[in-house]
N, C-alpha and C. Protein backbone atom coordinates (compact mmCIF):
# COMPACT_ATOMS: atom_id res chain seq x y z
N MET A 1 -1.37 -4.82 -8.55
CA MET A 1 -2.16 -4.96 -7.51
C MET A 1 -3.19 -5.18 -8.07
N PRO A 2 -3.99 -6.06 -7.47
CA PRO A 2 -5.53 -6.30 -8.05
C PRO A 2 -6.37 -5.10 -7.58
N VAL A 3 -6.23 -4.16 -6.80
CA VAL A 3 -7.29 -3.49 -6.35
C VAL A 3 -6.63 -2.17 -6.64
N ALA A 4 -7.45 -1.00 -6.57
CA ALA A 4 -6.89 0.49 -6.32
C ALA A 4 -6.89 0.42 -4.87
N GLY A 5 -5.78 0.95 -4.07
CA GLY A 5 -6.22 1.28 -2.71
C GLY A 5 -5.41 2.76 -2.36
N PHE A 6 -4.93 3.02 -1.34
CA PHE A 6 -4.66 4.18 -1.07
C PHE A 6 -3.17 4.61 -0.78
N HIS A 7 -2.24 4.15 -1.82
CA HIS A 7 -1.22 4.11 -1.61
C HIS A 7 -0.48 5.86 -1.74
N HIS A 8 -0.61 6.05 -0.45
CA HIS A 8 -0.51 7.78 -0.50
C HIS A 8 1.07 7.40 0.03
N ASP A 9 1.59 7.03 0.91
CA ASP A 9 2.84 7.21 1.42
C ASP A 9 3.60 5.92 1.13
N MET A 10 5.12 6.30 0.78
CA MET A 10 5.88 5.18 0.68
C MET A 10 7.25 5.84 1.36
N PHE A 11 8.21 5.00 1.53
CA PHE A 11 9.50 5.60 2.23
C PHE A 11 10.66 5.07 1.27
N ILE A 12 11.40 6.29 0.89
CA ILE A 12 12.42 5.88 -0.15
C ILE A 12 13.96 6.37 0.84
N THR A 13 14.67 5.31 0.74
CA THR A 13 16.22 5.49 1.30
C THR A 13 17.37 5.47 0.14
N GLU A 14 18.13 5.70 0.24
CA GLU A 14 19.48 5.05 -0.53
C GLU A 14 19.16 3.83 -1.32
N ASN A 15 19.13 3.23 -0.89
CA ASN A 15 18.77 1.76 -1.22
C ASN A 15 17.67 1.23 -1.61
N TYR A 16 16.45 1.59 -0.91
CA TYR A 16 15.39 0.75 -1.10
C TYR A 16 14.10 1.55 -1.02
N MET A 17 13.11 1.00 -1.28
CA MET A 17 11.69 1.89 -1.87
C MET A 17 10.46 0.95 -1.11
N VAL A 18 10.10 1.41 -0.12
CA VAL A 18 8.94 0.81 0.84
C VAL A 18 7.51 1.12 0.55
N MET A 19 6.66 0.64 -0.19
CA MET A 19 5.75 0.90 -0.29
C MET A 19 4.60 0.04 0.53
N ILE A 20 3.75 0.99 1.07
CA ILE A 20 2.43 0.55 1.86
C ILE A 20 1.21 0.22 1.30
N ASP A 21 0.50 -1.18 1.45
CA ASP A 21 -0.60 -1.43 0.69
C ASP A 21 -1.64 -1.75 2.03
N GLY A 22 -2.59 -0.69 2.02
CA GLY A 22 -3.23 -1.15 3.36
C GLY A 22 -4.59 -1.72 2.80
N ALA A 23 -5.66 -1.60 3.71
CA ALA A 23 -7.01 -2.23 3.77
C ALA A 23 -7.85 -1.25 3.06
N MET A 24 -7.57 -0.17 2.81
CA MET A 24 -8.47 1.15 2.11
C MET A 24 -8.60 0.53 0.55
N SER A 25 -9.48 0.58 0.05
CA SER A 25 -10.17 0.36 -1.42
C SER A 25 -10.67 1.82 -1.92
N PHE A 26 -10.20 2.11 -3.04
CA PHE A 26 -10.77 3.17 -3.61
C PHE A 26 -11.82 2.67 -4.65
N THR A 27 -13.14 2.80 -4.40
CA THR A 27 -14.00 2.53 -5.34
C THR A 27 -14.84 3.32 -6.15
N PRO A 28 -14.50 4.12 -7.26
CA PRO A 28 -15.47 4.80 -7.77
C PRO A 28 -17.10 4.49 -8.47
N GLN A 29 -16.72 3.16 -8.51
CA GLN A 29 -17.64 2.50 -9.41
C GLN A 29 -19.03 2.16 -8.33
N GLU A 30 -18.38 2.57 -7.10
CA GLU A 30 -19.51 2.28 -6.04
C GLU A 30 -20.06 3.46 -5.61
N ALA A 31 -19.35 4.46 -5.75
CA ALA A 31 -19.94 5.75 -5.07
C ALA A 31 -20.71 6.32 -6.26
N ILE A 32 -20.58 5.61 -7.65
CA ILE A 32 -21.62 6.47 -8.58
C ILE A 32 -22.70 5.58 -8.44
N LYS A 33 -22.70 4.39 -7.52
CA LYS A 33 -24.26 3.92 -6.92
C LYS A 33 -24.68 4.69 -5.56
N GLY A 34 -24.22 5.35 -5.40
CA GLY A 34 -24.56 6.06 -3.89
C GLY A 34 -24.14 5.27 -2.77
N LYS A 35 -22.78 4.27 -2.82
CA LYS A 35 -22.43 3.92 -1.73
C LYS A 35 -20.96 4.76 -1.44
N GLN A 36 -19.96 4.15 -0.43
CA GLN A 36 -19.00 5.15 -0.31
C GLN A 36 -17.67 4.81 -1.08
N LEU A 37 -16.96 6.21 -1.17
CA LEU A 37 -15.89 6.07 -2.24
C LEU A 37 -14.62 5.37 -1.63
N TRP A 38 -14.58 5.46 -0.24
CA TRP A 38 -13.51 4.70 0.25
C TRP A 38 -14.04 3.78 1.14
N MET A 39 -13.65 2.46 1.04
CA MET A 39 -14.07 1.09 1.73
C MET A 39 -12.93 0.76 2.45
N PHE A 40 -12.80 0.33 3.41
CA PHE A 40 -12.19 -0.40 4.63
C PHE A 40 -12.48 -2.07 4.13
N ASP A 41 -11.46 -2.92 3.76
CA ASP A 41 -12.29 -4.22 3.14
C ASP A 41 -11.06 -4.98 4.56
N GLN A 42 -12.03 -5.56 5.82
CA GLN A 42 -11.55 -6.16 6.69
C GLN A 42 -10.61 -7.42 6.21
N ALA A 43 -10.90 -7.88 5.15
CA ALA A 43 -10.17 -9.32 4.42
C ALA A 43 -9.21 -8.89 3.93
N ARG A 44 -8.74 -7.83 3.83
CA ARG A 44 -7.58 -7.14 2.94
C ARG A 44 -6.32 -6.81 3.99
N LYS A 45 -5.44 -7.86 3.91
CA LYS A 45 -4.39 -7.48 5.21
C LYS A 45 -3.38 -6.40 4.41
N LEU A 46 -2.93 -6.04 6.01
CA LEU A 46 -1.72 -4.71 5.27
C LEU A 46 -0.58 -5.53 4.87
N ARG A 47 0.14 -4.82 3.92
CA ARG A 47 1.46 -5.18 3.40
C ARG A 47 2.20 -4.23 3.26
N PHE A 48 3.43 -4.72 3.03
CA PHE A 48 4.63 -3.79 2.97
C PHE A 48 5.29 -4.49 1.56
N GLY A 49 5.40 -3.61 0.23
CA GLY A 49 6.26 -3.72 -0.61
C GLY A 49 7.91 -3.47 -0.81
N ILE A 50 8.43 -4.08 -0.84
CA ILE A 50 9.93 -3.69 -0.56
C ILE A 50 10.98 -3.94 -1.78
N PHE A 51 11.24 -2.80 -2.18
CA PHE A 51 12.10 -2.65 -3.52
C PHE A 51 13.64 -2.32 -3.57
N ASP A 52 14.54 -3.04 -3.67
CA ASP A 52 15.99 -2.97 -3.79
C ASP A 52 15.81 -1.83 -4.78
N ARG A 53 16.45 -0.52 -4.81
CA ARG A 53 16.61 0.40 -5.85
C ARG A 53 17.86 0.29 -6.82
N SER A 54 18.86 -0.69 -6.44
CA SER A 54 19.58 -1.14 -7.75
C SER A 54 19.16 -2.06 -8.57
N LYS A 55 18.19 -2.41 -8.36
CA LYS A 55 17.00 -3.28 -9.28
C LYS A 55 16.48 -2.73 -10.31
N GLU A 56 16.05 -3.32 -11.44
CA GLU A 56 15.12 -2.93 -12.13
C GLU A 56 13.68 -2.79 -11.50
N LEU A 57 12.93 -2.09 -11.81
CA LEU A 57 11.52 -1.85 -11.06
C LEU A 57 10.67 -2.82 -11.72
N THR A 58 10.56 -4.11 -11.15
CA THR A 58 9.79 -5.30 -11.85
C THR A 58 8.95 -6.01 -10.93
N LYS A 59 7.73 -6.46 -11.32
CA LYS A 59 7.24 -7.55 -10.42
C LYS A 59 7.75 -8.23 -9.80
N ALA A 60 8.87 -8.92 -10.15
CA ALA A 60 9.70 -10.01 -9.68
C ALA A 60 10.53 -9.36 -8.56
N ASN A 61 11.07 -8.21 -8.67
CA ASN A 61 11.91 -7.28 -7.77
C ASN A 61 11.28 -6.69 -6.50
N LEU A 62 10.08 -6.80 -6.63
CA LEU A 62 9.21 -6.32 -5.37
C LEU A 62 8.80 -7.63 -4.47
N GLN A 63 9.43 -7.59 -3.32
CA GLN A 63 9.19 -8.45 -2.01
C GLN A 63 8.17 -7.94 -1.33
N TRP A 64 6.99 -8.36 -1.00
CA TRP A 64 6.09 -8.44 -0.30
C TRP A 64 6.19 -8.94 1.09
N ILE A 65 5.78 -8.46 2.02
CA ILE A 65 5.99 -8.57 3.88
C ILE A 65 4.24 -8.26 3.99
N GLU A 66 3.46 -9.57 4.52
CA GLU A 66 2.07 -9.27 4.79
C GLU A 66 2.02 -9.35 6.27
N ALA A 67 1.35 -8.62 6.92
CA ALA A 67 0.64 -8.45 8.28
C ALA A 67 -0.38 -9.79 8.30
N ASP A 68 -0.41 -9.69 9.88
CA ASP A 68 -1.49 -10.86 10.42
C ASP A 68 -3.16 -10.02 10.14
N VAL A 69 -3.05 -8.88 10.13
CA VAL A 69 -4.06 -8.25 10.23
C VAL A 69 -4.53 -7.27 9.11
N ALA A 70 -5.91 -6.80 9.09
CA ALA A 70 -5.97 -5.79 8.08
C ALA A 70 -6.13 -4.19 8.85
N ALA A 71 -5.11 -3.56 8.07
CA ALA A 71 -4.94 -2.11 9.04
C ALA A 71 -4.66 -0.93 7.86
N GLU A 72 -4.70 -0.15 8.09
CA GLU A 72 -4.13 1.23 7.22
C GLU A 72 -3.46 2.24 7.64
N LEU A 73 -2.24 2.65 7.34
CA LEU A 73 -1.45 3.68 7.88
C LEU A 73 -1.78 5.03 7.03
N LEU A 74 -2.58 6.10 7.97
CA LEU A 74 -2.71 7.46 7.43
C LEU A 74 -2.05 8.23 8.05
N GLY A 75 -1.84 9.48 7.55
CA GLY A 75 -0.88 10.19 7.86
C GLY A 75 0.53 9.94 7.79
N LYS A 76 1.25 11.00 8.51
CA LYS A 76 3.12 10.47 8.47
C LYS A 76 3.34 9.93 9.38
N PRO A 77 2.90 8.50 10.19
CA PRO A 77 3.17 8.12 11.32
C PRO A 77 4.96 7.68 11.49
N TRP A 78 5.75 7.69 10.29
CA TRP A 78 7.00 7.11 10.54
C TRP A 78 7.60 7.76 9.72
N MET A 79 9.10 8.45 9.92
CA MET A 79 9.90 8.72 9.16
C MET A 79 10.91 8.00 8.59
N ALA A 80 11.31 7.62 7.43
CA ALA A 80 12.37 6.89 7.19
C ALA A 80 13.89 7.76 6.80
N SER A 81 14.94 7.07 6.99
CA SER A 81 16.06 7.53 7.01
C SER A 81 17.12 6.71 6.35
N HIS A 82 18.15 6.90 6.18
CA HIS A 82 19.19 6.20 5.87
C HIS A 82 20.67 6.58 6.58
């Protein structure tokens, strides 16, 4: 991924791993300048990375689904099970 984000939660089932890539960016270089450490990037849309666990973990095997809006999922709003 081109940015350092807030990749805190993911869902893991028997067959899949789903990673959440939200609009929060971790920007320590900006914090050193007195700006915020965490920035919400309105231009960065919410994405879900879906990986089939039976395959090798490579960029080519990670499928991304992008939402229409920028968003961040904080806490534990969902529960995944198989």
